[in-house]
Amino acid sequence: MKNRFVMSAAIALAVTMNWAGARAQLLALPSGPGAWYFGGEGGWTSLEKASGPTTSPITNFSENFDDDYNIGARVGYEWGPWRAEEEVRYQLNHIPSVTPFPVHATEPADGNRYAYAIMTNLIYDFNVGWPVTPHLGAGVGAVIQHDSWGVAAGTCANSTDVEFGYQAIAGIRYNINPSLAFDLDYRYLATIDPTFHFGGGGAVAAGIAGAAFRSNYDSSSVVASLTVRFGAAPPPPPPVAAPPAPPMAAPVMRKVFLVFFDWDKDTITPEGMQIIHEAADAWHSGSPVTIQVTGYTDRSGSPGYNQRLSERRANNVAVALERFGVPQQNMAISGRGENDNRVPTANGVREPQNRRVEIVFL
């Protein structure tokens, strides 16, 4: 019991700190790339055995649960690596037996414990250049629980309680295309201990009608979801051009290598790998300089998605350069999303010249 309250406090504190940091980011970048999203979810739920004291002569009452299912929906807003969302999830677990009732022995039962979790979640995506993006998060909210079951003598409980809930989230995301994403999460959801009441013919027969019993709720779920992005904030303004060099300044010779990508992909093509090899050879043949590795996209997706895609492209090219012997400390790696188009286009246009990573020798 003590450990569960400690975990509750720790998760609540983490959510508060993360939300404060995310809010500060949002205030600092009011016009940054972002997108609203909506998703449906469902999966498998396991509920730990619940036990607690009662106000009847029966003590140490417990309920056993079968693994069952969950289903729900979420709506939220993503900006950069952050996601803030509201989630409603229904979880059901069958009750096959209770212990003790009415003596200290397990007795077959038939019923269910179901819960409606209404949660506010904050999630952080780690863009590390992989095909899938890992993420971590936490949430707090209200959980409505209903306990209904009976034994051979009849119904013994049919009661509802609402308690504070908290959850930890860990999972991966795969971006199917700029508008559609698939998530696979592990979600641990728990609540403050709920209180239910005995009632019905079975409870009357046992002499415990009206008595209360204390329970608990600790669940583990595997949740799959499909998310649709359906809006975006305007992209950030283009960077201010640097002032021209003084008239007497000597011209600066820069080497530029362009690596192009297929639509909505961050995988380096064989042609692109050849360009990266040439850039690495050029670096080795001259004096050590800093290489600026900058990723870009076309304008066919949302600005938020394109920003992450450009970062993955730049990271993948930097990893390839490092394999060819260019130290990472000699690289400045960044993503510019759909900004600074090589070929200016309207929103939604798939322009191959804009799907690139620029390797620039500074």
Protein backbone atom coordinates (compact mmCIF):
# COMPACT_ATOMS: atom_id res chain seq x y z
CA MET A 1 0.00 0.00 0.00
CA LYS A 2 2.77 2.43 0.95
CA ASN A 3 4.63 1.76 -2.32
CA ARG A 4 1.53 2.51 -4.37
CA PHE A 5 1.04 5.87 -2.68
CA VAL A 6 4.72 6.70 -3.23
CA MET A 7 4.36 5.83 -6.93
CA SER A 8 1.20 7.96 -7.10
CA ALA A 9 3.01 10.97 -5.66
CA ALA A 10 6.05 10.47 -7.91
CA ILE A 11 3.99 10.23 -11.10
CA ALA A 12 1.89 13.25 -10.14
CA LEU A 13 5.07 15.25 -9.50
CA ALA A 14 6.58 14.13 -12.84
CA VAL A 15 3.46 15.16 -14.73
CA THR A 16 3.43 18.54 -13.01
CA MET A 17 7.10 19.21 -13.84
CA ASN A 18 6.77 17.98 -17.43
CA TRP A 19 3.66 20.07 -17.99
CA ALA A 20 5.39 23.14 -16.60
CA GLY A 21 8.31 22.61 -18.97
CA ALA A 22 6.02 21.92 -21.92
CA ARG A 23 3.96 25.01 -21.14
CA ALA A 24 7.10 27.11 -21.05
CA GLN A 25 8.14 25.73 -24.45
CA LEU A 26 4.70 26.46 -25.86
CA LEU A 27 4.78 30.03 -24.60
CA ALA A 28 8.30 30.52 -25.94
CA LEU A 29 7.35 29.21 -29.40
CA PRO A 30 3.75 30.36 -30.01
CA SER A 31 4.05 29.92 -33.78
CA GLY A 32 6.05 26.68 -33.73
CA PRO A 33 5.03 23.67 -35.82
CA GLY A 34 2.29 21.55 -34.31
CA ALA A 35 -0.77 19.50 -35.15
CA TRP A 36 -4.02 18.35 -33.54
CA TYR A 37 -4.65 14.62 -33.57
CA PHE A 38 -7.38 12.10 -32.80
CA GLY A 39 -7.01 8.37 -32.28
CA GLY A 40 -8.85 5.19 -31.39
CA GLU A 41 -7.24 2.56 -29.18
CA GLY A 42 -7.74 -0.94 -27.85
CA GLY A 43 -5.88 -3.91 -26.43
CA TRP A 44 -5.32 -6.32 -23.55
CA THR A 45 -5.64 -5.58 -19.81
CA SER A 46 -4.46 -7.53 -16.77
CA LEU A 47 -5.79 -6.58 -13.32
CA GLU A 48 -3.97 -7.61 -10.16
CA LYS A 49 -5.81 -9.51 -7.40
CA ALA A 50 -7.72 -7.01 -5.24
CA SER A 51 -8.08 -7.39 -1.49
CA GLY A 52 -8.94 -5.32 1.55
CA PRO A 53 -10.80 -5.15 4.85
CA THR A 54 -14.60 -5.13 5.20
CA THR A 55 -17.07 -3.76 7.74
CA SER A 56 -18.74 -7.20 7.98
CA PRO A 57 -17.67 -10.21 10.08
CA ILE A 58 -15.75 -11.43 7.03
CA THR A 59 -12.15 -10.18 6.93
CA ASN A 60 -9.40 -10.20 4.30
CA PHE A 61 -11.90 -10.32 1.47
CA SER A 62 -10.35 -10.56 -2.00
CA GLU A 63 -11.39 -10.82 -5.65
CA ASN A 64 -9.58 -12.66 -8.46
CA PHE A 65 -9.60 -11.36 -12.06
CA ASP A 66 -9.15 -12.79 -15.54
CA ASP A 67 -7.21 -10.93 -18.21
CA ASP A 68 -9.57 -9.08 -20.54
CA TYR A 69 -9.72 -6.08 -22.89
CA ASN A 70 -9.64 -2.29 -23.09
CA ILE A 71 -10.94 0.18 -25.67
CA GLY A 72 -10.86 3.96 -25.85
CA ALA A 73 -10.10 7.19 -27.70
CA ARG A 74 -7.74 10.12 -27.35
CA VAL A 75 -7.49 13.66 -28.67
CA GLY A 76 -4.48 15.91 -28.30
CA TYR A 77 -1.97 18.37 -29.69
CA GLU A 78 1.64 17.66 -30.62
CA TRP A 79 4.40 20.23 -30.98
CA GLY A 80 7.99 19.22 -31.54
CA PRO A 81 8.69 16.08 -29.47
CA TRP A 82 5.84 16.79 -26.99
CA ARG A 83 2.28 15.46 -27.01
CA ALA A 84 -0.47 16.60 -24.63
CA GLU A 85 -3.69 14.59 -24.81
CA GLU A 86 -7.00 13.80 -23.19
CA GLU A 87 -7.79 10.08 -23.08
CA VAL A 88 -10.94 8.10 -22.26
CA ARG A 89 -10.36 4.35 -21.85
CA TYR A 90 -12.76 1.56 -20.82
CA GLN A 91 -11.19 -1.50 -19.14
CA LEU A 92 -13.06 -4.74 -18.30
CA ASN A 93 -11.94 -7.73 -16.22
CA HIS A 94 -14.05 -10.79 -15.39
CA ILE A 95 -14.30 -11.97 -11.75
CA PRO A 96 -14.18 -15.81 -11.69
CA SER A 97 -13.84 -16.26 -7.90
CA VAL A 98 -13.69 -14.52 -4.53
CA THR A 99 -11.86 -15.37 -1.27
CA PRO A 100 -13.25 -15.87 1.34
CA PHE A 101 -16.99 -16.03 0.92
CA PRO A 102 -18.49 -16.90 3.34
CA VAL A 103 -15.63 -18.91 4.86
CA HIS A 104 -11.87 -18.68 4.35
CA ALA A 105 -11.91 -20.59 1.06
CA THR A 106 -12.09 -19.60 -2.58
CA GLU A 107 -15.61 -19.76 -3.99
CA PRO A 108 -16.59 -19.57 -7.68
CA ALA A 109 -18.17 -16.27 -8.68
CA ASP A 110 -19.43 -14.61 -11.83
CA GLY A 111 -19.17 -10.89 -12.52
CA ASN A 112 -16.97 -8.05 -13.68
CA ARG A 113 -14.92 -5.09 -12.54
CA TYR A 114 -14.94 -2.37 -15.19
CA ALA A 115 -13.40 1.07 -15.16
CA TYR A 116 -13.72 4.28 -17.16
CA ALA A 117 -10.41 6.15 -17.01
CA ILE A 118 -10.54 9.86 -17.96
CA MET A 119 -6.88 10.89 -18.11
CA THR A 120 -4.74 13.90 -19.01
CA ASN A 121 -1.44 12.61 -20.45
CA LEU A 122 1.87 14.22 -21.35
CA ILE A 123 4.16 12.22 -23.68
CA TYR A 124 7.67 12.87 -25.01
CA ASP A 125 8.88 11.33 -28.30
CA PHE A 126 12.60 10.52 -28.58
CA ASN A 127 13.63 11.21 -32.19
CA VAL A 128 16.76 9.06 -32.52
CA GLY A 129 16.69 8.38 -36.26
CA TRP A 130 15.07 4.92 -36.02
CA PRO A 131 12.13 3.76 -38.18
CA VAL A 132 10.08 3.71 -34.96
CA THR A 133 10.11 6.47 -32.35
CA PRO A 134 10.18 5.46 -28.65
CA HIS A 135 8.26 7.57 -26.16
CA LEU A 136 7.64 7.93 -22.42
CA GLY A 137 4.82 9.67 -20.61
CA ALA A 138 2.59 9.92 -17.57
CA GLY A 139 -1.00 10.84 -16.84
CA VAL A 140 -3.42 11.72 -14.06
CA GLY A 141 -7.20 11.84 -13.93
CA ALA A 142 -10.39 10.29 -12.59
CA VAL A 143 -11.26 6.58 -12.79
CA ILE A 144 -14.88 5.43 -12.41
CA GLN A 145 -14.94 1.82 -11.19
CA HIS A 146 -17.92 -0.53 -11.01
CA ASP A 147 -17.80 -3.84 -9.12
CA SER A 148 -20.59 -6.33 -9.89
CA TRP A 149 -20.53 -10.07 -9.11
CA GLY A 150 -22.43 -12.89 -7.48
CA VAL A 151 -22.17 -16.48 -6.27
CA ALA A 152 -24.56 -19.41 -6.38
CA ALA A 153 -26.77 -17.78 -3.72
CA GLY A 154 -27.27 -14.68 -5.91
CA THR A 155 -25.85 -11.19 -6.48
CA CYS A 156 -23.42 -10.11 -3.76
CA ALA A 157 -22.14 -6.72 -4.98
CA ASN A 158 -23.22 -4.06 -7.47
CA SER A 159 -21.45 -0.84 -6.52
CA THR A 160 -19.60 2.12 -8.07
CA ASP A 161 -16.79 4.37 -6.81
CA VAL A 162 -14.77 7.22 -8.37
CA GLU A 163 -11.13 7.69 -7.38
CA PHE A 164 -7.99 9.59 -8.43
CA GLY A 165 -6.01 7.65 -11.02
CA TYR A 166 -2.45 7.83 -12.33
CA GLN A 167 -0.62 6.02 -15.10
CA ALA A 168 2.85 5.51 -16.55
CA ILE A 169 3.26 5.18 -20.33
CA ALA A 170 6.04 3.61 -22.43
CA GLY A 171 5.80 2.72 -26.09
CA ILE A 172 6.81 3.16 -29.71
CA ARG A 173 5.31 5.09 -32.62
CA TYR A 174 5.53 4.33 -36.35
CA ASN A 175 4.61 7.15 -38.73
CA ILE A 176 2.75 5.44 -41.57
CA ASN A 177 2.57 8.72 -43.50
CA PRO A 178 2.50 12.45 -42.60
CA SER A 179 -1.14 12.21 -41.45
CA LEU A 180 -1.32 8.73 -39.90
CA ALA A 181 0.62 7.15 -37.01
CA PHE A 182 0.48 3.78 -35.23
CA ASP A 183 1.31 3.53 -31.51
CA LEU A 184 1.96 0.44 -29.37
CA ASP A 185 2.06 1.26 -25.64
CA TYR A 186 2.41 -0.35 -22.26
CA ARG A 187 0.25 1.58 -19.78
CA TYR A 188 0.25 0.97 -16.02
CA LEU A 189 -2.94 2.43 -14.52
CA ALA A 190 -3.67 2.48 -10.79
CA THR A 191 -5.98 4.39 -8.43
CA ILE A 192 -6.43 5.34 -4.83
CA ASP A 193 -8.11 2.35 -3.12
CA PRO A 194 -11.86 2.30 -3.96
CA THR A 195 -14.65 1.28 -1.55
CA PHE A 196 -17.62 -0.87 -2.64
CA HIS A 197 -20.70 -2.26 -0.85
CA PHE A 198 -22.22 -5.71 -0.56
CA GLY A 199 -25.83 -5.97 -1.71
CA GLY A 200 -28.33 -8.32 -3.35
CA GLY A 201 -29.78 -11.71 -2.49
CA GLY A 202 -26.42 -13.41 -2.07
CA ALA A 203 -25.29 -10.75 0.38
CA VAL A 204 -28.56 -11.08 2.33
CA ALA A 205 -28.11 -14.85 2.53
CA ALA A 206 -24.59 -14.37 3.85
CA GLY A 207 -25.65 -11.73 6.36
CA ILE A 208 -23.38 -9.02 4.94
CA ALA A 209 -25.87 -6.84 2.99
CA GLY A 210 -24.95 -3.15 3.29
CA ALA A 211 -21.44 -3.81 4.54
CA ALA A 212 -18.56 -2.04 2.79
CA PHE A 213 -15.34 -3.57 1.54
CA ARG A 214 -12.08 -1.88 0.65
CA SER A 215 -10.40 -2.90 -2.61
CA ASN A 216 -7.58 -1.74 -4.90
CA TYR A 217 -6.96 -1.23 -8.62
CA ASP A 218 -3.58 -1.94 -10.28
CA SER A 219 -3.72 -2.73 -13.99
CA SER A 220 -1.23 -3.37 -16.80
CA SER A 221 -2.37 -2.86 -20.39
CA VAL A 222 -0.96 -3.27 -23.86
CA VAL A 223 -2.71 -0.63 -25.98
CA ALA A 224 -2.55 -0.27 -29.77
CA SER A 225 -3.84 2.92 -31.39
CA LEU A 226 -4.19 4.53 -34.78
CA THR A 227 -3.82 8.32 -34.76
CA VAL A 228 -4.89 10.83 -37.42
CA ARG A 229 -3.33 14.30 -37.56
CA PHE A 230 -5.90 16.75 -38.86
CA GLY A 231 -4.47 20.25 -38.44
CA ALA A 232 -1.32 22.22 -37.93
CA ALA A 233 -0.05 25.54 -36.67
CA PRO A 234 1.59 27.82 -39.25
CA PRO A 235 5.26 27.08 -39.91
CA PRO A 236 7.89 29.31 -38.33
CA PRO A 237 9.01 32.33 -40.37
CA PRO A 238 12.09 31.83 -42.55
CA PRO A 239 15.38 32.80 -40.91
CA VAL A 240 16.55 36.34 -41.33
CA ALA A 241 19.17 36.51 -44.06
CA ALA A 242 22.67 37.28 -42.85
CA PRO A 243 23.97 40.72 -43.84
CA PRO A 244 26.17 40.72 -46.94
CA ALA A 245 29.90 40.51 -46.46
CA PRO A 246 31.86 43.77 -46.62
CA PRO A 247 32.87 44.70 -50.19
CA MET A 248 36.57 44.01 -49.56
CA ALA A 249 36.01 40.63 -47.86
CA ALA A 250 37.48 37.63 -49.64
CA PRO A 251 34.86 35.17 -50.96
CA VAL A 252 34.28 32.07 -48.87
CA MET A 253 34.41 28.80 -50.81
CA ARG A 254 31.96 26.26 -49.49
CA LYS A 255 31.56 22.63 -50.44
CA VAL A 256 27.97 21.42 -50.59
CA PHE A 257 26.78 17.82 -51.03
CA LEU A 258 23.07 17.00 -51.49
CA VAL A 259 21.52 13.69 -50.41
CA PHE A 260 17.96 13.20 -51.72
CA PHE A 261 15.26 10.99 -50.18
CA ASP A 262 12.12 9.20 -51.35
CA TRP A 263 8.78 10.64 -50.27
CA ASP A 264 8.05 10.26 -46.54
CA LYS A 265 11.24 8.20 -46.05
CA ASP A 266 14.34 8.72 -43.93
CA THR A 267 16.16 5.70 -45.41
CA ILE A 268 19.31 6.56 -47.38
CA THR A 269 19.20 5.32 -50.99
CA PRO A 270 22.28 3.70 -52.63
CA GLU A 271 22.78 6.92 -54.64
CA GLY A 272 22.58 8.96 -51.46
CA MET A 273 25.11 6.70 -49.74
CA GLN A 274 27.54 7.33 -52.62
CA ILE A 275 27.19 11.11 -52.13
CA ILE A 276 27.85 10.69 -48.38
CA HIS A 277 30.96 8.65 -49.18
CA GLU A 278 32.21 11.42 -51.49
CA ALA A 279 31.59 14.02 -48.77
CA ALA A 280 33.55 11.95 -46.24
CA ASP A 281 36.44 11.56 -48.72
CA ALA A 282 36.46 15.32 -49.30
CA TRP A 283 36.60 15.93 -45.55
CA HIS A 284 39.53 13.53 -45.14
CA SER A 285 41.44 15.08 -48.05
CA GLY A 286 41.44 18.61 -46.59
CA SER A 287 42.08 20.23 -43.25
CA PRO A 288 39.52 19.30 -40.55
CA VAL A 289 36.49 21.58 -40.72
CA THR A 290 32.99 21.55 -39.26
CA ILE A 291 30.31 19.93 -41.41
CA GLN A 292 26.78 21.27 -41.18
CA VAL A 293 24.27 18.42 -41.73
CA THR A 294 20.77 19.84 -42.23
CA GLY A 295 17.64 17.87 -43.11
CA TYR A 296 14.65 19.16 -45.11
CA THR A 297 11.29 17.88 -46.39
CA ASP A 298 8.78 18.83 -49.04
CA ARG A 299 5.46 20.44 -48.04
CA SER A 300 3.18 17.39 -48.34
CA GLY A 301 2.77 16.78 -44.58
CA SER A 302 2.02 18.79 -41.46
CA PRO A 303 4.80 21.12 -40.25
CA GLY A 304 5.17 19.16 -37.00
CA TYR A 305 5.56 15.84 -38.78
CA ASN A 306 7.92 17.33 -41.37
CA GLN A 307 10.13 18.78 -38.65
CA ARG A 308 10.61 15.35 -37.07
CA LEU A 309 11.13 13.71 -40.48
CA SER A 310 13.86 16.24 -41.37
CA GLU A 311 15.61 15.55 -38.04
CA ARG A 312 15.56 11.80 -38.69
CA ARG A 313 17.02 12.30 -42.17
CA ALA A 314 19.82 14.51 -40.81
CA ASN A 315 20.59 12.03 -38.01
CA ASN A 316 20.76 9.11 -40.46
CA VAL A 317 23.18 10.99 -42.74
CA ALA A 318 25.33 11.96 -39.75
CA VAL A 319 25.49 8.33 -38.65
CA ALA A 320 26.60 7.32 -42.18
CA LEU A 321 29.29 10.03 -42.20
CA GLU A 322 30.56 8.78 -38.88
CA ARG A 323 30.82 5.24 -40.30
CA PHE A 324 33.03 6.72 -43.05
CA GLY A 325 35.35 8.22 -40.45
CA VAL A 326 34.01 11.75 -39.88
CA PRO A 327 33.94 12.38 -36.09
CA GLN A 328 30.53 13.38 -34.75
CA GLN A 329 32.07 16.32 -32.87
CA ASN A 330 32.91 17.82 -36.26
CA MET A 331 29.25 17.87 -37.29
CA ALA A 332 26.43 20.32 -36.54
CA ILE A 333 23.22 18.31 -37.03
CA SER A 334 19.77 19.88 -37.35
CA GLY A 335 16.43 19.68 -39.15
CA ARG A 336 14.57 22.52 -40.86
CA GLY A 337 11.39 20.66 -41.80
CA GLU A 338 9.58 22.15 -44.78
CA ASN A 339 11.37 25.49 -44.47
CA ASP A 340 13.96 26.81 -46.96
CA ASN A 341 12.56 24.93 -49.96
CA ARG A 342 15.05 24.38 -52.77
CA VAL A 343 12.09 24.58 -55.17
CA PRO A 344 9.32 26.85 -53.81
CA THR A 345 5.93 25.08 -53.82
CA ALA A 346 2.47 25.40 -52.34
CA ASN A 347 1.36 23.35 -49.32
CA GLY A 348 0.78 19.66 -50.08
CA VAL A 349 3.12 19.46 -53.10
CA ARG A 350 5.52 16.48 -53.24
CA GLU A 351 8.68 18.05 -54.65
CA PRO A 352 11.68 15.63 -54.84
CA GLN A 353 14.25 18.47 -54.78
CA ASN A 354 13.01 19.54 -51.35
CA ARG A 355 13.37 16.09 -49.76
CA ARG A 356 17.07 16.37 -48.98
CA VAL A 357 19.91 16.64 -46.51
CA GLU A 358 22.54 19.28 -47.19
CA ILE A 359 26.14 18.50 -46.16
CA VAL A 360 27.94 21.84 -46.04
CA PHE A 361 31.65 22.33 -45.24
CA LEU A 362 31.97 25.50 -43.13
